[in-house]
């Protein structure tokens, strides 16, 4: 700023007013404004974003929180959201909770410190109060993938129950009698939609229930150990995995066990992955509409940011359909 003032023979205060959008308020001539802005652009000057935020109340930054940014599902969502956020004139800060509630709360504190304009969050159970506090402070928040009864928070979900029901229906139609479900359970398994949908379909088809809920684990090898034990101790003719990373672990265990797919055991994974497409045989999946999730989450958040009055309307849970992609594993 000093170099600008010296070169143009204008006070630093005047330069500051112009660069911070106060020229009209301070009755600075348009010709001087044009000279200052032209020289500022020539010198590659960029105004301090946080100084601007003090004046405008906006940082044009969005916070994105996911479970694990290395997971292809969340990585794809994050990439799409980042592109769409940028198209709307915003930048993004994102982080992974690893399903650690303390870590999630720390990141919410970071978002507040950065004064982000809004957040898109795949929450970890136990963050409900902190999310409500953000809403009470006037922050725009949209949840996705998970919804723990956060009253007042818009959420973008997929039809987990319906997708899982369709998976069981597909396997039963092909003669499967002993269908197992290996699924993540972050809290009470009886409240997990994918488990609920599975059990309903199993009951409707008069089949025996084989459900194996798993807690979130740090290491991939721990899932291998548990899945290896489940498959060795239970005579299943089909298995459904509740997430793509459980499906990948399951595929490794099935292959190392010398079982053939689908001859010895049929397999479906909830959520697609490139590996499932290129593996032989290809793996049948319940695919989530990744692009639609990202688009609806962004549209919902942007609507709130552009029209703060929408913060007062009743929260909405938007549920998107899944799709069954049949491959050779079933």
C-alpha atoms as a PDB file:
ATOM      1  CA  UNK A   1       0.000   0.000   0.000  1.00  0.00           C
ATOM      2  CA  UNK A   2       2.923   2.309   0.761  1.00  0.00           C
ATOM      3  CA  UNK A   3       4.348   1.850  -2.734  1.00  0.00           C
ATOM      4  CA  UNK A   4       0.969   2.676  -4.276  1.00  0.00           C
ATOM      5  CA  UNK A   5       0.635   5.841  -2.194  1.00  0.00           C
ATOM      6  CA  UNK A   6       4.183   6.968  -3.037  1.00  0.00           C
ATOM      7  CA  UNK A   7       3.898   6.314  -6.780  1.00  0.00           C
ATOM      8  CA  UNK A   8       0.500   8.015  -7.120  1.00  0.00           C
ATOM      9  CA  UNK A   9       1.269  10.777  -4.599  1.00  0.00           C
ATOM     10  CA  UNK A  10      -1.883   9.872  -2.652  1.00  0.00           C
ATOM     11  CA  UNK A  11      -2.237   9.306   1.083  1.00  0.00           C
ATOM     12  CA  UNK A  12      -2.274   5.754   2.440  1.00  0.00           C
ATOM     13  CA  UNK A  13      -5.651   6.465   4.001  1.00  0.00           C
ATOM     14  CA  UNK A  14      -7.163   7.329   0.628  1.00  0.00           C
ATOM     15  CA  UNK A  15      -5.612   4.229  -0.929  1.00  0.00           C
ATOM     16  CA  UNK A  16      -7.114   2.140   1.886  1.00  0.00           C
ATOM     17  CA  UNK A  17     -10.581   3.628   1.385  1.00  0.00           C
ATOM     18  CA  UNK A  18     -10.473   2.864  -2.353  1.00  0.00           C
ATOM     19  CA  UNK A  19      -9.165  -0.688  -2.025  1.00  0.00           C
ATOM     20  CA  UNK A  20     -11.739  -1.492   0.634  1.00  0.00           C
ATOM     21  CA  UNK A  21     -14.692  -0.227  -1.380  1.00  0.00           C
ATOM     22  CA  UNK A  22     -15.315   2.993   0.560  1.00  0.00           C
ATOM     23  CA  UNK A  23     -14.494   5.452  -2.231  1.00  0.00           C
ATOM     24  CA  UNK A  24     -18.106   6.527  -2.811  1.00  0.00           C
ATOM     25  CA  UNK A  25     -18.766   6.830   0.915  1.00  0.00           C
ATOM     26  CA  UNK A  26     -15.690   9.074   1.297  1.00  0.00           C
ATOM     27  CA  UNK A  27     -16.547  11.044  -1.877  1.00  0.00           C
ATOM     28  CA  UNK A  28     -13.327  10.160  -3.677  1.00  0.00           C
ATOM     29  CA  UNK A  29     -13.392  11.056  -7.371  1.00  0.00           C
ATOM     30  CA  UNK A  30     -13.963   8.325  -9.922  1.00  0.00           C
ATOM     31  CA  UNK A  31     -10.864   9.356 -11.864  1.00  0.00           C
ATOM     32  CA  UNK A  32      -8.664   8.827  -8.785  1.00  0.00           C
ATOM     33  CA  UNK A  33     -10.366   5.505  -8.042  1.00  0.00           C
ATOM     34  CA  UNK A  34      -9.616   4.322 -11.584  1.00  0.00           C
ATOM     35  CA  UNK A  35      -5.956   5.388 -11.296  1.00  0.00           C
ATOM     36  CA  UNK A  36      -5.508   3.598  -7.964  1.00  0.00           C
ATOM     37  CA  UNK A  37      -7.232   0.396  -9.068  1.00  0.00           C
ATOM     38  CA  UNK A  38      -5.306   0.293 -12.329  1.00  0.00           C
ATOM     39  CA  UNK A  39      -1.954   0.706 -10.578  1.00  0.00           C
ATOM     40  CA  UNK A  40      -2.961  -1.803  -7.874  1.00  0.00           C
ATOM     41  CA  UNK A  41      -3.762  -4.361 -10.561  1.00  0.00           C
ATOM     42  CA  UNK A  42      -0.484  -3.560 -12.317  1.00  0.00           C
ATOM     43  CA  UNK A  43       1.441  -4.271  -9.098  1.00  0.00           C
ATOM     44  CA  UNK A  44      -0.498  -7.484  -8.478  1.00  0.00           C
ATOM     45  CA  UNK A  45      -2.013  -6.168  -5.265  1.00  0.00           C
ATOM     46  CA  UNK A  46      -4.598  -8.373  -3.534  1.00  0.00           C
ATOM     47  CA  UNK A  47      -6.632  -6.996  -0.611  1.00  0.00           C
ATOM     48  CA  UNK A  48      -6.387  -8.840   2.703  1.00  0.00           C
ATOM     49  CA  UNK A  49      -9.346 -11.208   2.779  1.00  0.00           C
ATOM     50  CA  UNK A  50      -9.825 -11.112   6.527  1.00  0.00           C
ATOM     51  CA  UNK A  51      -9.592  -7.330   6.644  1.00  0.00           C
ATOM     52  CA  UNK A  52     -12.302  -7.251   4.007  1.00  0.00           C
ATOM     53  CA  UNK A  53     -14.397  -9.681   6.037  1.00  0.00           C
ATOM     54  CA  UNK A  54     -14.440  -7.258   8.963  1.00  0.00           C
ATOM     55  CA  UNK A  55     -16.043  -4.718   6.655  1.00  0.00           C
ATOM     56  CA  UNK A  56     -18.410  -6.967   4.718  1.00  0.00           C
ATOM     57  CA  UNK A  57     -19.173  -9.636   7.321  1.00  0.00           C
ATOM     58  CA  UNK A  58     -18.262 -12.258   4.693  1.00  0.00           C
ATOM     59  CA  UNK A  59     -15.084 -14.247   4.072  1.00  0.00           C
ATOM     60  CA  UNK A  60     -16.371 -16.096   0.990  1.00  0.00           C
ATOM     61  CA  UNK A  61     -15.028 -19.305   2.529  1.00  0.00           C
ATOM     62  CA  UNK A  62     -17.033 -22.516   2.947  1.00  0.00           C
ATOM     63  CA  UNK A  63     -16.083 -25.238   5.425  1.00  0.00           C
ATOM     64  CA  UNK A  64     -16.440 -28.871   4.303  1.00  0.00           C
ATOM     65  CA  UNK A  65     -16.145 -31.685   6.843  1.00  0.00           C
ATOM     66  CA  UNK A  66     -16.153 -35.363   5.856  1.00  0.00           C
ATOM     67  CA  UNK A  67     -15.331 -38.675   7.511  1.00  0.00           C
ATOM     68  CA  UNK A  68     -12.245 -39.469   5.431  1.00  0.00           C
ATOM     69  CA  UNK A  69     -11.119 -37.407   2.458  1.00  0.00           C
ATOM     70  CA  UNK A  70      -9.152 -40.412   1.118  1.00  0.00           C
ATOM     71  CA  UNK A  71     -12.365 -42.450   0.783  1.00  0.00           C
ATOM     72  CA  UNK A  72     -13.405 -42.300  -2.906  1.00  0.00           C
ATOM     73  CA  UNK A  73     -17.012 -41.449  -2.007  1.00  0.00           C
ATOM     74  CA  UNK A  74     -16.035 -38.420   0.090  1.00  0.00           C
ATOM     75  CA  UNK A  75     -13.189 -37.468  -2.244  1.00  0.00           C
ATOM     76  CA  UNK A  76     -15.587 -37.364  -5.203  1.00  0.00           C
ATOM     77  CA  UNK A  77     -18.110 -35.329  -3.207  1.00  0.00           C
ATOM     78  CA  UNK A  78     -15.375 -32.923  -2.054  1.00  0.00           C
ATOM     79  CA  UNK A  79     -14.056 -32.422  -5.603  1.00  0.00           C
ATOM     80  CA  UNK A  80     -17.522 -31.644  -6.955  1.00  0.00           C
ATOM     81  CA  UNK A  81     -18.360 -29.312  -4.074  1.00  0.00           C
ATOM     82  CA  UNK A  82     -15.038 -27.498  -4.455  1.00  0.00           C
ATOM     83  CA  UNK A  83     -15.727 -26.890  -8.156  1.00  0.00           C
ATOM     84  CA  UNK A  84     -19.288 -25.719  -7.531  1.00  0.00           C
ATOM     85  CA  UNK A  85     -18.251 -23.501  -4.615  1.00  0.00           C
ATOM     86  CA  UNK A  86     -15.587 -21.844  -6.766  1.00  0.00           C
ATOM     87  CA  UNK A  87     -18.121 -21.228  -9.536  1.00  0.00           C
ATOM     88  CA  UNK A  88     -20.178 -19.326  -6.963  1.00  0.00           C
ATOM     89  CA  UNK A  89     -17.248 -17.086  -5.976  1.00  0.00           C
ATOM     90  CA  UNK A  90     -16.260 -18.966  -2.825  1.00  0.00           C
ATOM     91  CA  UNK A  91     -13.239 -20.950  -1.681  1.00  0.00           C
ATOM     92  CA  UNK A  92     -13.267 -24.071   0.459  1.00  0.00           C
ATOM     93  CA  UNK A  93     -11.500 -25.407   3.535  1.00  0.00           C
ATOM     94  CA  UNK A  94     -11.984 -29.108   4.158  1.00  0.00           C
ATOM     95  CA  UNK A  95     -11.013 -31.646   6.789  1.00  0.00           C
ATOM     96  CA  UNK A  96     -11.548 -35.276   7.843  1.00  0.00           C
ATOM     97  CA  UNK A  97     -12.946 -36.304  11.225  1.00  0.00           C
ATOM     98  CA  UNK A  98     -11.999 -40.009  11.020  1.00  0.00           C
ATOM     99  CA  UNK A  99     -15.230 -40.437  13.011  1.00  0.00           C
ATOM    100  CA  UNK A 100     -13.502 -38.896  16.047  1.00  0.00           C
ATOM    101  CA  UNK A 101     -15.971 -36.609  17.804  1.00  0.00           C
ATOM    102  CA  UNK A 102     -13.260 -34.578  19.576  1.00  0.00           C
ATOM    103  CA  UNK A 103     -11.510 -34.024  16.261  1.00  0.00           C
ATOM    104  CA  UNK A 104     -14.816 -33.008  14.657  1.00  0.00           C
ATOM    105  CA  UNK A 105     -15.484 -30.467  17.405  1.00  0.00           C
ATOM    106  CA  UNK A 106     -11.979 -29.034  16.985  1.00  0.00           C
ATOM    107  CA  UNK A 107     -12.621 -28.533  13.283  1.00  0.00           C
ATOM    108  CA  UNK A 108     -15.939 -26.787  14.002  1.00  0.00           C
ATOM    109  CA  UNK A 109     -13.987 -24.438  16.280  1.00  0.00           C
ATOM    110  CA  UNK A 110     -11.525 -23.874  13.434  1.00  0.00           C
ATOM    111  CA  UNK A 111     -14.392 -23.039  11.077  1.00  0.00           C
ATOM    112  CA  UNK A 112     -15.668 -20.476  13.590  1.00  0.00           C
ATOM    113  CA  UNK A 113     -12.173 -18.978  13.986  1.00  0.00           C
ATOM    114  CA  UNK A 114     -11.888 -18.648  10.217  1.00  0.00           C
ATOM    115  CA  UNK A 115     -15.363 -17.058  10.168  1.00  0.00           C
ATOM    116  CA  UNK A 116     -16.500 -19.304   7.339  1.00  0.00           C
ATOM    117  CA  UNK A 117     -19.758 -18.154   5.774  1.00  0.00           C
ATOM    118  CA  UNK A 118     -21.290 -21.628   5.895  1.00  0.00           C
ATOM    119  CA  UNK A 119     -20.544 -25.323   6.330  1.00  0.00           C
ATOM    120  CA  UNK A 120     -21.327 -28.602   4.607  1.00  0.00           C
ATOM    121  CA  UNK A 121     -20.814 -31.413   7.102  1.00  0.00           C
ATOM    122  CA  UNK A 122     -20.934 -35.207   7.197  1.00  0.00           C
ATOM    123  CA  UNK A 123     -21.246 -35.222  10.996  1.00  0.00           C
ATOM    124  CA  UNK A 124     -19.892 -37.595  13.586  1.00  0.00           C
ATOM    125  CA  UNK A 125     -22.294 -38.631  16.319  1.00  0.00           C
ATOM    126  CA  UNK A 126     -21.795 -36.424  19.366  1.00  0.00           C
ATOM    127  CA  UNK A 127     -21.441 -33.136  17.455  1.00  0.00           C
ATOM    128  CA  UNK A 128     -25.162 -32.323  17.603  1.00  0.00           C
ATOM    129  CA  UNK A 129     -24.901 -29.552  20.205  1.00  0.00           C
ATOM    130  CA  UNK A 130     -21.966 -27.845  18.503  1.00  0.00           C
ATOM    131  CA  UNK A 131     -23.872 -27.810  15.218  1.00  0.00           C
ATOM    132  CA  UNK A 132     -26.917 -26.308  16.946  1.00  0.00           C
ATOM    133  CA  UNK A 133     -24.625 -23.646  18.454  1.00  0.00           C
ATOM    134  CA  UNK A 134     -23.434 -22.717  14.956  1.00  0.00           C
ATOM    135  CA  UNK A 135     -27.041 -22.372  13.806  1.00  0.00           C
ATOM    136  CA  UNK A 136     -27.830 -20.208  16.829  1.00  0.00           C
ATOM    137  CA  UNK A 137     -24.952 -17.923  15.826  1.00  0.00           C
ATOM    138  CA  UNK A 138     -26.509 -17.465  12.396  1.00  0.00           C
ATOM    139  CA  UNK A 139     -24.197 -19.751  10.447  1.00  0.00           C
ATOM    140  CA  UNK A 140     -25.595 -21.624   7.448  1.00  0.00           C
ATOM    141  CA  UNK A 141     -25.122 -25.375   7.847  1.00  0.00           C
ATOM    142  CA  UNK A 142     -26.072 -28.247   5.541  1.00  0.00           C
ATOM    143  CA  UNK A 143     -25.528 -31.858   6.570  1.00  0.00           C
ATOM    144  CA  UNK A 144     -25.048 -34.759   4.169  1.00  0.00           C
ATOM    145  CA  UNK A 145     -24.604 -38.533   4.315  1.00  0.00           C
ATOM    146  CA  UNK A 146     -25.529 -38.591   8.021  1.00  0.00           C
ATOM    147  CA  UNK A 147     -28.271 -37.043  10.045  1.00  0.00           C
ATOM    148  CA  UNK A 148     -28.447 -37.494  13.809  1.00  0.00           C
ATOM    149  CA  UNK A 149     -31.677 -35.660  14.456  1.00  0.00           C
ATOM    150  CA  UNK A 150     -30.131 -32.195  14.195  1.00  0.00           C
ATOM    151  CA  UNK A 151     -33.347 -30.212  14.456  1.00  0.00           C
ATOM    152  CA  UNK A 152     -33.211 -27.075  12.370  1.00  0.00           C
ATOM    153  CA  UNK A 153     -30.469 -28.303  10.065  1.00  0.00           C
ATOM    154  CA  UNK A 154     -31.062 -28.965   6.367  1.00  0.00           C
ATOM    155  CA  UNK A 155     -29.689 -32.337   5.302  1.00  0.00           C
ATOM    156  CA  UNK A 156     -29.053 -34.164   2.028  1.00  0.00           C
ATOM    157  CA  UNK A 157     -29.451 -37.920   2.375  1.00  0.00           C
ATOM    158  CA  UNK A 158     -29.868 -40.943   0.138  1.00  0.00           C
ATOM    159  CA  UNK A 159     -32.573 -43.569   0.528  1.00  0.00           C
ATOM    160  CA  UNK A 160     -30.430 -45.938   2.589  1.00  0.00           C
ATOM    161  CA  UNK A 161     -33.320 -48.146   3.634  1.00  0.00           C
ATOM    162  CA  UNK A 162     -34.719 -48.397   0.113  1.00  0.00           C
ATOM    163  CA  UNK A 163     -31.322 -49.110  -1.416  1.00  0.00           C
ATOM    164  CA  UNK A 164     -30.590 -51.897   1.036  1.00  0.00           C
ATOM    165  CA  UNK A 165     -34.079 -53.350   0.549  1.00  0.00           C
ATOM    166  CA  UNK A 166     -33.422 -53.457  -3.189  1.00  0.00           C
ATOM    167  CA  UNK A 167     -30.117 -55.281  -2.625  1.00  0.00           C
ATOM    168  CA  UNK A 168     -31.801 -58.039  -0.588  1.00  0.00           C
ATOM    169  CA  UNK A 169     -34.675 -58.268  -3.051  1.00  0.00           C
ATOM    170  CA  UNK A 170     -32.195 -58.741  -5.895  1.00  0.00           C
ATOM    171  CA  UNK A 171     -30.321 -61.524  -4.088  1.00  0.00           C
ATOM    172  CA  UNK A 172     -33.503 -63.303  -2.941  1.00  0.00           C
ATOM    173  CA  UNK A 173     -34.840 -63.278  -6.514  1.00  0.00           C
ATOM    174  CA  UNK A 174     -31.696 -65.154  -7.540  1.00  0.00           C
ATOM    175  CA  UNK A 175     -32.201 -67.858  -4.926  1.00  0.00           C
ATOM    176  CA  UNK A 176     -30.046 -66.659  -2.023  1.00  0.00           C
ATOM    177  CA  UNK A 177     -31.264 -68.037   1.319  1.00  0.00           C
ATOM    178  CA  UNK A 178     -28.580 -67.031   3.814  1.00  0.00           C
ATOM    179  CA  UNK A 179     -27.762 -63.395   3.169  1.00  0.00           C
ATOM    180  CA  UNK A 180     -25.392 -61.629   5.534  1.00  0.00           C
ATOM    181  CA  UNK A 181     -24.961 -57.896   6.094  1.00  0.00           C
ATOM    182  CA  UNK A 182     -21.621 -56.489   7.239  1.00  0.00           C
ATOM    183  CA  UNK A 183     -22.231 -52.807   7.935  1.00  0.00           C
ATOM    184  CA  UNK A 184     -20.868 -49.878   9.877  1.00  0.00           C
ATOM    185  CA  UNK A 185     -22.760 -48.943  13.043  1.00  0.00           C
ATOM    186  CA  UNK A 186     -21.636 -45.625  14.518  1.00  0.00           C
ATOM    187  CA  UNK A 187     -24.142 -45.875  17.358  1.00  0.00           C
ATOM    188  CA  UNK A 188     -27.113 -48.132  18.002  1.00  0.00           C
ATOM    189  CA  UNK A 189     -27.276 -50.650  15.100  1.00  0.00           C
ATOM    190  CA  UNK A 190     -31.084 -50.665  15.398  1.00  0.00           C
ATOM    191  CA  UNK A 191     -31.097 -47.007  14.329  1.00  0.00           C
ATOM    192  CA  UNK A 192     -28.860 -47.398  11.276  1.00  0.00           C
ATOM    193  CA  UNK A 193     -30.980 -46.980   8.137  1.00  0.00           C
ATOM    194  CA  UNK A 194     -29.020 -49.495   6.067  1.00  0.00           C
ATOM    195  CA  UNK A 195     -29.436 -52.131   8.768  1.00  0.00           C
ATOM    196  CA  UNK A 196     -33.132 -51.269   9.138  1.00  0.00           C
ATOM    197  CA  UNK A 197     -33.693 -51.602   5.378  1.00  0.00           C
ATOM    198  CA  UNK A 198     -31.842 -54.918   5.283  1.00  0.00           C
ATOM    199  CA  UNK A 199     -33.808 -56.410   8.170  1.00  0.00           C
ATOM    200  CA  UNK A 200     -37.139 -55.315   6.707  1.00  0.00           C
ATOM    201  CA  UNK A 201     -36.348 -56.926   3.364  1.00  0.00           C
ATOM    202  CA  UNK A 202     -35.108 -60.122   5.034  1.00  0.00           C
ATOM    203  CA  UNK A 203     -38.303 -60.335   7.109  1.00  0.00           C
ATOM    204  CA  UNK A 204     -40.517 -59.657   4.087  1.00  0.00           C
ATOM    205  CA  UNK A 205     -38.838 -62.551   2.239  1.00  0.00           C
ATOM    206  CA  UNK A 206     -39.054 -64.908   5.223  1.00  0.00           C
ATOM    207  CA  UNK A 207     -35.298 -65.382   5.475  1.00  0.00           C
ATOM    208  CA  UNK A 208     -32.998 -65.809   8.484  1.00  0.00           C
ATOM    209  CA  UNK A 209     -31.355 -62.606   9.741  1.00  0.00           C
ATOM    210  CA  UNK A 210     -27.556 -62.426   9.632  1.00  0.00           C
ATOM    211  CA  UNK A 211     -26.419 -58.929  10.594  1.00  0.00           C
ATOM    212  CA  UNK A 212     -22.846 -58.129  11.660  1.00  0.00           C
ATOM    213  CA  UNK A 213     -22.533 -54.474  12.743  1.00  0.00           C
ATOM    214  CA  UNK A 214     -19.039 -53.028  12.938  1.00  0.00           C
ATOM    215  CA  UNK A 215     -17.673 -49.953  14.711  1.00  0.00           C
ATOM    216  CA  UNK A 216     -15.525 -47.503  12.775  1.00  0.00           C
ATOM    217  CA  UNK A 217     -11.888 -48.649  12.876  1.00  0.00           C
ATOM    218  CA  UNK A 218      -8.610 -46.874  12.212  1.00  0.00           C
ATOM    219  CA  UNK A 219      -6.863 -49.578  10.234  1.00  0.00           C
ATOM    220  CA  UNK A 220      -7.942 -51.455   7.121  1.00  0.00           C
ATOM    221  CA  UNK A 221      -6.335 -54.614   8.504  1.00  0.00           C
ATOM    222  CA  UNK A 222      -8.784 -54.656  11.425  1.00  0.00           C
ATOM    223  CA  UNK A 223     -11.710 -54.917   9.025  1.00  0.00           C
ATOM    224  CA  UNK A 224      -9.958 -57.821   7.277  1.00  0.00           C
ATOM    225  CA  UNK A 225      -9.632 -59.724  10.545  1.00  0.00           C
ATOM    226  CA  UNK A 226     -13.293 -59.256  11.480  1.00  0.00           C
ATOM    227  CA  UNK A 227     -14.644 -60.075   8.018  1.00  0.00           C
ATOM    228  CA  UNK A 228     -12.402 -63.144   7.828  1.00  0.00           C
ATOM    229  CA  UNK A 229     -13.891 -64.395  11.109  1.00  0.00           C
ATOM    230  CA  UNK A 230     -17.484 -63.656  10.048  1.00  0.00           C
ATOM    231  CA  UNK A 231     -17.212 -65.472   6.732  1.00  0.00           C
ATOM    232  CA  UNK A 232     -15.397 -68.459   8.223  1.00  0.00           C
ATOM    233  CA  UNK A 233     -17.922 -68.974  11.031  1.00  0.00           C
ATOM    234  CA  UNK A 234     -21.157 -68.410   9.091  1.00  0.00           C
ATOM    235  CA  UNK A 235     -22.468 -70.366   6.125  1.00  0.00           C
ATOM    236  CA  UNK A 236     -23.600 -67.506   3.889  1.00  0.00           C
ATOM    237  CA  UNK A 237     -24.496 -67.841   0.229  1.00  0.00           C
ATOM    238  CA  UNK A 238     -24.563 -64.066  -0.249  1.00  0.00           C
ATOM    239  CA  UNK A 239     -23.136 -61.052   1.559  1.00  0.00           C
ATOM    240  CA  UNK A 240     -23.933 -57.341   1.412  1.00  0.00           C
ATOM    241  CA  UNK A 241     -21.321 -54.827   2.556  1.00  0.00           C
ATOM    242  CA  UNK A 242     -22.630 -51.551   3.944  1.00  0.00           C
ATOM    243  CA  UNK A 243     -19.846 -49.282   2.596  1.00  0.00           C
ATOM    244  CA  UNK A 244     -17.371 -49.441  -0.272  1.00  0.00           C
ATOM    245  CA  UNK A 245     -14.327 -49.813   1.992  1.00  0.00           C
ATOM    246  CA  UNK A 246     -15.962 -52.743   3.811  1.00  0.00           C
ATOM    247  CA  UNK A 247     -16.743 -54.175   0.364  1.00  0.00           C
ATOM    248  CA  UNK A 248     -13.106 -53.870  -0.723  1.00  0.00           C
ATOM    249  CA  UNK A 249     -11.940 -55.555   2.483  1.00  0.00           C
ATOM    250  CA  UNK A 250     -14.564 -58.265   1.982  1.00  0.00           C
ATOM    251  CA  UNK A 251     -13.470 -58.824  -1.596  1.00  0.00           C
ATOM    252  CA  UNK A 252      -9.886 -59.347  -0.438  1.00  0.00           C
ATOM    253  CA  UNK A 253     -10.978 -61.873   2.197  1.00  0.00           C
ATOM    254  CA  UNK A 254     -13.207 -63.766  -0.256  1.00  0.00           C
ATOM    255  CA  UNK A 255     -10.420 -63.957  -2.827  1.00  0.00           C
ATOM    256  CA  UNK A 256      -7.784 -65.105  -0.345  1.00  0.00           C
ATOM    257  CA  UNK A 257     -10.210 -67.757   0.979  1.00  0.00           C
ATOM    258  CA  UNK A 258     -10.432 -69.340  -2.448  1.00  0.00           C
ATOM    259  CA  UNK A 259     -14.184 -68.795  -2.657  1.00  0.00           C
ATOM    260  CA  UNK A 260     -15.638 -68.127  -6.091  1.00  0.00           C
ATOM    261  CA  UNK A 261     -17.972 -65.201  -6.777  1.00  0.00           C
ATOM    262  CA  UNK A 262     -20.876 -65.764  -7.313  1.00  0.00           C
ATOM    263  CA  UNK A 263     -20.583 -69.589  -7.306  1.00  0.00           C
ATOM    264  CA  UNK A 264     -19.728 -69.972  -3.611  1.00  0.00           C
ATOM    265  CA  UNK A 265     -20.925 -66.600  -2.422  1.00  0.00           C
ATOM    266  CA  UNK A 266     -22.727 -63.718  -4.143  1.00  0.00           C
ATOM    267  CA  UNK A 267     -21.707 -60.173  -3.230  1.00  0.00           C
ATOM    268  CA  UNK A 268     -23.161 -56.659  -3.257  1.00  0.00           C
ATOM    269  CA  UNK A 269     -21.589 -53.474  -1.918  1.00  0.00           C
ATOM    270  CA  UNK A 270     -23.448 -50.332  -0.927  1.00  0.00           C
ATOM    271  CA  UNK A 271     -21.668 -47.503  -2.789  1.00  0.00           C
ATOM    272  CA  UNK A 272     -19.748 -48.004  -6.016  1.00  0.00           C
ATOM    273  CA  UNK A 273     -15.996 -47.918  -6.526  1.00  0.00           C
ATOM    274  CA  UNK A 274     -13.720 -48.189  -9.573  1.00  0.00           C
ATOM    275  CA  UNK A 275     -12.396 -51.495  -8.248  1.00  0.00           C
ATOM    276  CA  UNK A 276     -15.882 -53.008  -8.319  1.00  0.00           C
ATOM    277  CA  UNK A 277     -16.245 -52.037 -11.961  1.00  0.00           C
ATOM    278  CA  UNK A 278     -12.914 -53.441 -13.179  1.00  0.00           C
ATOM    279  CA  UNK A 279     -12.737 -56.528 -10.929  1.00  0.00           C
ATOM    280  CA  UNK A 280     -13.608 -59.833 -12.575  1.00  0.00           C
ATOM    281  CA  UNK A 281     -16.300 -60.722 -11.922  1.00  0.00           C
ATOM    282  CA  UNK A 282     -17.668 -57.191 -11.674  1.00  0.00           C
ATOM    283  CA  UNK A 283     -19.276 -56.416  -8.316  1.00  0.00           C
ATOM    284  CA  UNK A 284     -22.963 -55.498  -8.108  1.00  0.00           C
ATOM    285  CA  UNK A 285     -23.487 -52.272  -6.157  1.00  0.00           C
ATOM    286  CA  UNK A 286     -26.087 -49.934  -4.745  1.00  0.00           C
ATOM    287  CA  UNK A 287     -24.746 -46.674  -6.179  1.00  0.00           C
ATOM    288  CA  UNK A 288     -25.212 -43.301  -4.526  1.00  0.00           C
ATOM    289  CA  UNK A 289     -25.918 -40.270  -6.772  1.00  0.00           C
ATOM    290  CA  UNK A 290     -22.670 -38.470  -5.994  1.00  0.00           C
ATOM    291  CA  UNK A 291     -23.122 -35.522  -8.357  1.00  0.00           C
ATOM    292  CA  UNK A 292     -26.695 -34.947  -7.201  1.00  0.00           C
ATOM    293  CA  UNK A 293     -25.619 -35.018  -3.528  1.00  0.00           C
ATOM    294  CA  UNK A 294     -22.964 -32.368  -4.174  1.00  0.00           C
ATOM    295  CA  UNK A 295     -25.289 -30.214  -6.301  1.00  0.00           C
ATOM    296  CA  UNK A 296     -28.197 -30.275  -3.837  1.00  0.00           C
ATOM    297  CA  UNK A 297     -25.894 -29.567  -0.874  1.00  0.00           C
ATOM    298  CA  UNK A 298     -24.362 -26.566  -2.655  1.00  0.00           C
ATOM    299  CA  UNK A 299     -27.708 -25.257  -3.947  1.00  0.00           C
ATOM    300  CA  UNK A 300     -29.198 -25.491  -0.451  1.00  0.00           C
ATOM    301  CA  UNK A 301     -26.254 -23.692   1.162  1.00  0.00           C
ATOM    302  CA  UNK A 302     -26.009 -20.999  -1.520  1.00  0.00           C
ATOM    303  CA  UNK A 303     -29.727 -20.265  -1.200  1.00  0.00           C
ATOM    304  CA  UNK A 304     -29.243 -19.596   2.498  1.00  0.00           C
ATOM    305  CA  UNK A 305     -26.192 -17.409   1.960  1.00  0.00           C
ATOM    306  CA  UNK A 306     -27.949 -15.329  -0.684  1.00  0.00           C
ATOM    307  CA  UNK A 307     -31.190 -15.044   1.258  1.00  0.00           C
ATOM    308  CA  UNK A 308     -30.619 -15.066   5.051  1.00  0.00           C
ATOM    309  CA  UNK A 309     -34.405 -15.066   5.565  1.00  0.00           C
ATOM    310  CA  UNK A 310     -34.354 -18.741   4.545  1.00  0.00           C
ATOM    311  CA  UNK A 311     -32.520 -19.469   7.805  1.00  0.00           C
ATOM    312  CA  UNK A 312     -35.868 -19.052   9.560  1.00  0.00           C
ATOM    313  CA  UNK A 313     -37.767 -21.582   7.479  1.00  0.00           C
ATOM    314  CA  UNK A 314     -38.326 -25.128   8.694  1.00  0.00           C
ATOM    315  CA  UNK A 315     -35.386 -27.428   8.060  1.00  0.00           C
ATOM    316  CA  UNK A 316     -35.710 -29.918   5.237  1.00  0.00           C
ATOM    317  CA  UNK A 317     -34.253 -33.401   4.833  1.00  0.00           C
ATOM    318  CA  UNK A 318     -33.831 -34.022   1.107  1.00  0.00           C
ATOM    319  CA  UNK A 319     -33.680 -37.730   0.257  1.00  0.00           C
ATOM    320  CA  UNK A 320     -32.194 -38.819  -3.066  1.00  0.00           C
ATOM    321  CA  UNK A 321     -32.726 -42.263  -4.647  1.00  0.00           C
ATOM    322  CA  UNK A 322     -29.982 -44.861  -4.998  1.00  0.00           C
ATOM    323  CA  UNK A 323     -29.634 -47.167  -8.005  1.00  0.00           C
ATOM    324  CA  UNK A 324     -28.876 -50.861  -8.339  1.00  0.00           C
ATOM    325  CA  UNK A 325     -26.058 -51.565 -10.796  1.00  0.00           C
ATOM    326  CA  UNK A 326     -26.101 -55.282 -11.561  1.00  0.00           C
ATOM    327  CA  UNK A 327     -22.760 -56.916 -12.394  1.00  0.00           C
ATOM    328  CA  UNK A 328     -21.550 -60.502 -12.493  1.00  0.00           C
ATOM    329  CA  UNK A 329     -21.097 -60.946  -8.703  1.00  0.00           C
ATOM    330  CA  UNK A 330     -24.818 -61.707  -8.337  1.00  0.00           C
END
